[in-house]
Protein backbone atom coordinates (compact mmCIF):
# COMPACT_ATOMS: atom_id res chain seq x y z
CA MET A 1 8.65 -4.24 63.04
CA SER A 2 8.87 -2.11 59.90
CA THR A 3 11.37 0.53 58.87
CA ASP A 4 8.70 3.06 59.90
CA ALA A 5 8.81 1.73 63.45
CA VAL A 6 12.60 1.88 63.54
CA LEU A 7 12.52 5.46 62.29
CA ARG A 8 9.96 6.42 64.95
CA GLU A 9 12.19 4.96 67.66
CA LEU A 10 15.20 6.81 66.26
CA LEU A 11 13.22 10.06 66.29
CA VAL A 12 12.20 9.58 69.91
CA ARG A 13 15.78 8.86 70.96
CA GLN A 14 17.12 11.85 69.03
CA LEU A 15 14.48 14.17 70.52
CA ASP A 16 15.51 13.05 73.99
CA HIS A 17 18.98 14.38 73.13
CA TRP A 18 18.09 17.41 70.99
CA LEU A 19 15.26 19.02 72.93
CA PRO A 20 17.01 19.62 76.29
CA ALA A 21 20.08 21.01 74.50
CA ALA A 22 17.97 23.29 72.29
CA LEU A 23 15.98 24.64 75.24
CA HIS A 24 19.15 25.27 77.21
CA ARG A 25 20.81 27.06 74.31
CA ALA A 26 18.06 29.46 73.25
CA ARG A 27 14.68 30.86 74.23
CA ARG A 28 13.05 29.57 71.05
CA ALA A 29 13.44 26.48 68.87
CA THR A 30 11.67 24.74 66.02
CA LEU A 31 10.93 21.09 65.37
CA ALA A 32 9.76 20.41 61.81
CA LEU A 33 8.34 17.02 60.81
CA ALA A 34 7.50 16.46 57.14
CA TYR A 35 6.08 13.31 55.57
CA ALA A 36 5.51 12.37 51.95
CA GLY A 37 2.43 10.25 52.55
CA GLY A 38 3.15 6.99 54.33
CA ASP A 39 3.38 6.82 58.11
CA ALA A 40 3.08 10.17 59.91
CA ALA A 41 2.67 8.49 63.29
CA GLY A 42 6.13 9.76 64.19
CA ALA A 43 4.55 13.18 64.71
CA GLU A 44 2.35 11.81 67.49
CA GLU A 45 5.36 10.16 69.13
CA ALA A 46 7.29 13.41 68.87
CA LEU A 47 4.55 15.40 70.63
CA ARG A 48 4.50 12.87 73.45
CA VAL A 49 8.25 13.32 73.91
CA VAL A 50 7.84 17.10 73.93
CA ALA A 51 5.20 16.80 76.66
CA GLU A 52 7.73 15.02 78.87
CA PHE A 53 9.90 18.17 78.88
CA ALA A 54 7.12 20.51 79.99
CA ASP A 55 9.08 21.70 83.04
CA ARG A 56 12.02 22.79 80.86
CA LEU A 57 9.78 24.70 78.48
CA ARG A 58 8.90 27.43 80.96
CA GLY A 59 10.08 30.73 79.56
CA ARG A 60 10.93 29.10 76.23
CA ARG A 61 9.00 28.87 72.96
CA LEU A 62 8.93 25.68 70.90
CA THR A 63 7.24 25.63 67.50
CA VAL A 64 6.34 22.22 66.08
CA LEU A 65 5.55 22.09 62.37
CA VAL A 66 3.89 18.95 60.99
CA VAL A 67 3.84 18.94 57.20
CA ALA A 68 1.80 15.97 56.02
CA ASP A 69 -1.10 14.81 53.91
CA ASP A 70 -2.02 11.66 55.78
CA GLY A 71 -5.81 11.58 55.67
CA THR A 72 -8.56 13.37 57.53
CA ASP A 73 -7.85 11.71 60.89
CA LEU A 74 -4.38 13.27 61.37
CA PRO A 75 -5.64 16.59 62.86
CA ALA A 76 -7.70 14.66 65.39
CA ARG A 77 -4.79 12.38 66.29
CA LEU A 78 -2.42 15.30 66.70
CA GLY A 79 -5.04 17.23 68.63
CA ALA A 80 -5.20 14.52 71.27
CA ALA A 81 -1.42 14.60 71.69
CA GLU A 82 -1.37 18.41 71.61
CA ALA A 83 -3.80 18.57 74.51
CA ALA A 84 -1.05 17.32 76.84
CA LEU A 85 1.38 20.06 75.81
CA PRO A 86 2.09 23.23 77.80
CA ALA A 87 1.13 26.63 76.39
CA ASP A 88 4.80 27.26 75.49
CA VAL A 89 4.45 24.82 72.56
CA ALA A 90 2.76 25.88 69.33
CA VAL A 91 1.80 23.10 66.92
CA HIS A 92 0.98 23.88 63.30
CA LEU A 93 -0.31 21.31 60.82
CA VAL A 94 0.60 22.21 57.23
CA PRO A 95 -1.07 20.15 54.47
CA GLY A 96 1.28 18.83 51.81
CA GLY A 97 4.63 17.11 51.48
CA PRO A 98 8.25 17.89 52.33
CA ASP A 99 8.45 20.36 49.42
CA ARG A 100 6.34 22.70 51.58
CA LEU A 101 9.03 22.82 54.27
CA PRO A 102 10.95 25.90 53.01
CA VAL A 103 7.81 28.07 53.07
CA ALA A 104 6.63 26.64 56.39
CA LEU A 105 10.00 27.20 58.08
CA LYS A 106 10.18 30.77 56.81
CA ALA A 107 6.68 31.51 58.04
CA ALA A 108 7.56 30.06 61.45
CA GLY A 109 10.70 32.24 61.73
CA ALA A 110 12.83 29.16 62.31
CA ALA A 111 16.09 30.64 61.01
CA GLY A 112 18.75 31.65 63.50
CA ALA A 113 17.60 29.42 66.37
CA PRO A 114 17.88 25.69 67.14
CA LEU A 115 16.15 23.69 64.41
CA LEU A 116 15.61 19.98 63.95
CA VAL A 117 14.07 18.93 60.62
CA VAL A 118 12.80 15.42 59.91
CA ALA A 119 11.91 14.90 56.23
CA ASP A 120 10.55 11.42 55.55
CA GLY A 121 10.15 10.50 51.90
CA ALA A 122 11.88 13.63 50.65
CA ASP A 123 14.44 14.14 47.93
CA PRO A 124 17.59 16.12 48.78
CA ASP A 125 16.18 19.20 47.09
CA PRO A 126 18.49 22.25 47.40
CA ALA A 127 15.69 24.50 48.65
CA LEU A 128 14.69 22.02 51.35
CA LEU A 129 18.31 21.51 52.44
CA ALA A 130 18.97 25.25 52.53
CA ALA A 131 15.89 25.80 54.69
CA ALA A 132 16.92 22.99 57.05
CA ALA A 133 20.43 24.45 57.32
CA SER A 134 19.09 27.88 58.38
CA GLY A 135 18.88 26.90 62.03
CA ARG A 136 21.55 27.89 64.54
CA PRO A 137 22.37 25.13 65.16
CA ALA A 138 20.65 22.99 62.53
CA GLU A 139 20.08 19.24 62.40
CA LEU A 140 18.41 17.22 59.65
CA LEU A 141 17.15 13.65 59.43
CA LEU A 142 16.36 12.89 55.79
CA VAL A 143 14.76 9.60 54.74
CA THR A 144 14.63 8.75 51.06
CA ALA A 145 14.99 5.90 48.58
CA PRO A 146 18.45 4.32 48.31
CA GLY A 147 20.54 4.38 45.17
CA ARG A 148 22.79 7.38 45.64
CA SER A 149 24.78 8.90 48.47
CA LEU A 150 23.24 11.82 50.32
CA ARG A 151 26.61 12.99 51.63
CA PRO A 152 27.53 15.36 48.74
CA ALA A 153 24.18 17.16 48.85
CA LEU A 154 24.17 17.46 52.64
CA THR A 155 27.73 18.73 52.92
CA GLY A 156 27.10 21.06 49.97
CA ALA A 157 24.18 22.57 51.88
CA GLY A 158 26.55 23.58 54.68
CA PHE A 159 26.33 20.66 57.10
CA PRO A 160 29.91 19.76 58.14
CA LEU A 161 29.03 16.41 59.74
CA VAL A 162 27.05 13.76 57.87
CA THR A 163 26.29 10.08 58.28
CA GLU A 164 24.06 7.78 56.25
CA VAL A 165 22.77 4.23 56.54
CA GLU A 166 20.39 2.01 54.62
CA LEU A 167 17.55 0.39 56.54
CA VAL A 168 16.86 -3.00 54.94
CA PRO A 169 13.74 -4.88 56.15
CA ASP A 170 13.40 -8.63 56.09
CA GLY A 171 11.16 -9.98 53.35
CA ASP A 172 9.93 -7.95 50.41
CA GLY A 173 9.81 -4.50 52.00
CA ALA A 174 11.65 -1.65 50.32
CA ALA A 175 14.96 -0.46 51.75
CA ARG A 176 15.23 3.18 52.83
CA LEU A 177 18.22 5.48 53.07
CA LEU A 178 18.61 7.62 56.20
CA GLY A 179 20.90 10.61 56.14
CA TYR A 180 21.70 12.70 59.19
CA ALA A 181 23.39 16.08 58.94
CA THR A 182 24.55 18.43 61.68
CA GLY A 183 27.28 20.76 62.83
CA SER A 184 27.39 19.20 66.29
CA ASP A 185 29.77 16.42 67.30
CA ARG A 186 27.45 15.57 70.17
CA GLY A 187 24.47 15.39 67.84
CA LEU A 188 26.32 13.00 65.56
CA GLU A 189 27.39 10.83 68.49
CA ALA A 190 23.80 10.75 69.79
CA VAL A 191 22.45 9.57 66.43
CA LYS A 192 25.11 6.87 66.21
CA GLU A 193 24.26 5.63 69.69
CA ALA A 194 20.55 5.68 68.86
CA LEU A 195 21.07 3.73 65.62
CA TRP A 196 22.63 0.80 67.45
CA ALA A 197 20.31 0.96 70.48
CA VAL A 198 16.96 0.50 68.71
CA ASP A 199 15.08 -2.78 68.90
CA GLU A 200 17.45 -5.45 67.62
CA TYR A 201 14.51 -7.74 66.91
CA ALA A 202 12.87 -5.21 64.61
CA GLY A 203 13.23 -7.31 61.47
CA VAL A 204 15.41 -4.57 60.01
CA ARG A 205 19.14 -4.62 59.31
CA TYR A 206 21.58 -1.91 58.33
CA ARG A 207 23.83 -1.53 55.32
CA ASP A 208 26.68 0.97 55.38
CA PRO A 209 26.78 2.77 52.01
CA ALA A 210 30.53 3.20 52.52
CA ASP A 211 31.09 -0.58 52.57
CA PRO A 212 31.93 -1.71 49.01
CA GLN A 213 30.73 -5.24 49.80
CA GLY A 214 27.34 -3.99 51.02
CA ARG A 215 27.16 -6.46 53.88
CA LEU A 216 23.98 -6.44 55.96
CA LEU A 217 24.47 -5.74 59.67
CA ASP A 218 22.26 -6.88 62.52
CA ILE A 219 21.26 -4.12 64.92
CA SER A 220 23.30 -4.63 68.07
CA LEU A 221 24.93 -2.61 70.83
CA GLU A 222 28.20 -4.19 69.64
CA PRO A 223 27.80 -4.38 65.84
CA GLU A 224 29.78 -6.86 63.76
CA PRO A 225 33.05 -5.06 62.91
CA GLY A 226 33.86 -6.74 59.57
CA PRO A 227 32.78 -3.86 57.31
CA LEU A 228 34.51 -1.33 59.56
CA ARG A 229 37.75 -3.31 59.43
CA ARG A 230 37.64 -3.15 55.63
CA GLU A 231 36.83 0.56 55.65
CA LEU A 232 39.67 1.31 58.06
CA LEU A 233 42.11 -0.63 55.87
CA ALA A 234 40.87 1.24 52.79
CA GLU A 235 41.39 4.56 54.59
CA LEU A 236 44.93 3.55 55.59
CA ALA A 237 45.65 2.53 51.99
CA ARG A 238 44.41 5.92 50.75
CA SER A 239 46.00 8.13 53.32
CA GLY A 240 48.92 6.25 54.86
CA PRO A 241 49.52 5.81 58.61
CA ARG A 242 46.95 7.38 60.91
CA THR A 243 46.67 7.79 64.65
CA VAL A 244 44.00 6.01 66.62
CA THR A 245 42.33 9.39 67.21
CA GLU A 246 42.18 10.05 63.46
CA LEU A 247 40.76 6.60 62.75
CA ARG A 248 38.15 7.00 65.48
CA ARG A 249 37.15 10.28 63.85
CA PHE A 250 37.01 8.60 60.44
CA ALA A 251 34.68 5.89 61.78
CA THR A 252 32.38 8.52 63.31
CA THR A 253 32.20 10.87 60.34
CA SER A 254 32.58 8.56 57.33
CA THR A 255 30.89 5.27 58.31
CA VAL A 256 27.80 4.12 60.13
CA TYR A 257 29.96 3.07 63.09
CA ARG A 258 30.91 4.88 66.31
CA ALA A 259 34.30 5.88 67.67
CA ALA A 260 34.23 3.03 70.20
CA ASP A 261 33.64 0.54 67.39
CA ALA A 262 36.89 1.70 65.77
CA ASN A 263 38.85 0.61 68.83
CA ARG A 264 37.36 -2.87 68.67
CA ALA A 265 38.04 -3.11 64.93
CA LEU A 266 41.62 -1.93 65.35
CA ALA A 267 42.25 -4.47 68.11
CA SER A 268 41.00 -7.19 65.75
CA LEU A 269 43.16 -5.94 62.86
CA LEU A 270 46.22 -5.87 65.09
CA ALA A 271 45.53 -9.41 66.30
CA SER A 272 45.22 -10.65 62.71
CA GLY A 273 48.41 -8.93 61.58
CA ALA A 274 46.59 -6.77 59.04
CA VAL A 275 47.97 -3.59 60.63
CA THR A 276 50.92 -2.63 62.81
CA ARG A 277 51.23 -0.03 65.53
CA ASP A 278 53.87 2.40 66.73
CA PRO A 279 54.80 2.09 69.54
CA GLU A 280 54.41 -1.68 69.45
CA HIS A 281 53.39 -2.09 73.08
CA GLY A 282 51.24 -0.33 75.63
CA ARG A 283 47.71 0.99 75.70
CA LEU A 284 46.01 1.59 72.34
CA GLY A 285 45.80 5.31 73.03
CA GLY A 286 44.83 8.10 70.70
CA ASP A 287 48.40 9.00 69.71
CA VAL A 288 49.35 5.46 68.65
CA SER A 289 50.10 5.37 64.91
CA ILE A 290 48.47 2.61 62.84
CA SER A 291 49.85 1.39 59.50
CA ALA A 292 48.44 -1.13 57.05
CA VAL A 293 50.45 -4.23 56.18
CA PRO A 294 50.67 -4.54 52.36
CA SER A 295 48.33 -7.15 50.85
CA ALA A 296 46.65 -7.76 54.20
CA GLY A 297 43.26 -6.40 53.08
CA SER A 298 42.30 -9.55 51.16
CA SER A 299 42.34 -11.61 54.37
CA VAL A 300 40.08 -9.30 56.39
């Protein structure tokens, strides 16, 4: 399975979370899918997911924008998927690449209502990011080439919560960098859960850009905690003692891992003697303070 297939599965899982919440929150919402060439099959998958929520679309208006230049067969392929949609869904195919998104979103009146933007093969262009951030609430999945962090650009565009991960295929395929930006804690949690729930036999592994060692991680419901242990120790070295709640939040917002993974990593660090806790005994609850043991990081 390619990185394209992993990204399609992530999109489907995220739509299963985003669409019911968007339809509950407002009477209108926009889903924008933009592709810079390559595989636009995710748009077909997305329309199939939308069709599954037909009963919740009554009295609501969903606009689906597909911005792509993927050959002459794309309108026919989308047309077949569109035929299964209720009348409450309007699908618009816009020729071009992700740079057309700002104009397309403005024309669709997407600002001020729930908006999910998927930009595959895009650069973090300020105009694109500003357009994606115009939703209320707004969520963005941006896929681009690795080599620099997306976090500064995404937070600078007004997204308070950001995560990023490299998708590294086996063999000679090119790695891709996925950035997700939102203002919703639940949205961030849903993406994290989806990342680790996709097909573990996909032939794709993850790399956390925050891990200085750049270790590759197998996709698993219980991912290998080594990189997270190192990142937690680095955070404790930077900031001093932190509560379990604060370290869970750090794992969620600053690494590819989830809050639950932080608990497993902390239990391992405590067992190895790399950190200490206060109080020393009892449940590892949110108010327990964790401190790094000097010089312990080299043994993790």
